[in-house]
Protein backbone atom coordinates (compact mmCIF):
# COMPACT_ATOMS: atom_id res chain seq x y z
CA MET A 1 -1.68 -11.22 0.23
CA HIS A 2 0.73 -8.61 -0.97
CA SER A 3 -0.12 -5.23 -2.50
CA SER A 4 0.15 -4.46 -6.14
CA ARG A 5 3.04 -2.28 -7.16
CA PRO A 6 2.34 1.44 -7.48
CA THR A 7 3.26 3.03 -10.77
CA GLN A 8 3.98 6.49 -9.41
CA HIS A 9 5.71 8.22 -6.50
CA ARG A 10 8.90 6.29 -6.73
CA GLU A 11 12.43 7.56 -6.87
CA ASN A 12 14.81 5.96 -9.31
CA LYS A 13 18.02 5.08 -7.47
CA GLY A 14 20.11 3.32 -10.06
CA ASP A 15 18.34 0.14 -11.10
CA VAL A 16 16.02 0.08 -8.07
CA MET A 17 12.82 2.12 -7.88
CA LYS A 18 12.41 3.28 -4.29
CA ILE A 19 9.07 4.16 -2.74
CA THR A 20 9.24 7.54 -1.05
CA ARG A 21 8.50 8.04 2.64
CA THR A 22 5.73 10.46 1.63
CA VAL A 23 3.96 7.72 -0.32
CA LEU A 24 4.34 5.33 2.60
CA MET A 25 2.79 7.89 4.98
CA GLU A 26 -0.12 8.44 2.56
CA LYS A 27 -0.70 4.69 2.33
CA ALA A 28 -0.51 4.30 6.12
CA ARG A 29 -3.03 7.13 6.62
CA ALA A 30 -5.36 5.62 4.01
CA MET A 31 -5.21 2.33 5.91
CA GLY A 32 -6.11 4.11 9.16
CA LEU A 33 -2.70 3.59 10.76
CA LYS A 34 -1.76 6.21 13.32
CA GLY A 35 1.29 7.22 15.32
CA LEU A 36 3.74 6.60 12.51
CA SER A 37 4.96 10.12 11.72
CA LYS A 38 8.25 9.69 13.57
CA LYS A 39 8.90 6.15 12.41
CA ARG A 40 11.74 5.31 10.07
CA LYS A 41 11.00 4.16 6.55
CA HIS A 42 11.51 0.46 7.28
CA GLU A 43 9.24 0.75 10.33
CA LEU A 44 6.51 2.27 8.16
CA ILE A 45 6.87 -0.59 5.71
CA HIS A 46 6.63 -3.15 8.53
CA ALA A 47 3.47 -1.47 9.88
CA ILE A 48 1.89 -1.50 6.41
CA GLN A 49 2.82 -5.15 5.88
CA LEU A 50 1.23 -6.15 9.19
CA ALA A 51 -1.92 -4.08 8.51
CA GLU A 52 -2.27 -5.87 5.17
CA GLY A 53 -2.16 -9.22 6.95
CA ASN A 54 1.37 -10.05 5.84
CA ARG A 55 4.53 -10.76 7.80
CA ASP A 56 6.67 -7.72 8.57
CA CYS A 57 9.53 -9.20 6.62
CA PHE A 58 10.93 -6.16 4.77
CA GLY A 59 14.72 -6.41 4.81
CA ARG A 60 14.69 -9.56 6.92
CA ILE A 61 14.59 -12.43 4.41
CA PRO A 62 17.63 -12.57 2.11
CA ASP A 63 16.15 -15.07 -0.35
CA CYS A 64 12.49 -14.06 -0.33
CA GLY A 65 10.32 -15.88 -2.82
CA ILE A 66 7.34 -13.50 -2.77
CA GLU A 67 7.27 -11.97 -6.25
CA ASP A 68 4.20 -9.71 -6.01
CA CYS A 69 5.29 -7.73 -2.94
CA LEU A 70 4.96 -3.96 -3.12
CA PHE A 71 8.38 -3.53 -1.53
CA ARG A 72 10.34 -6.34 -3.26
CA GLU A 73 12.58 -4.19 -5.50
CA GLU A 74 13.83 -2.14 -2.60
CA CYS A 75 13.99 -5.04 -0.15
CA ILE A 76 16.22 -7.56 -1.86
């Protein structure tokens, strides 16, 4: 199950809306994840994906078919 897309706290980088590291840290804290403060952005995303019960596939699948992923816009 993938998360719904947030409507705020995104940076517009051209045509892609990027989720900020701050938002990722807030989400990780809210999920009870610890020890992530020094992790890179993609590592935070992988930790969140795993905690949600998903594969840690961010940036790893070039032709991903999962449409409702929180990170899809930035990933592909």
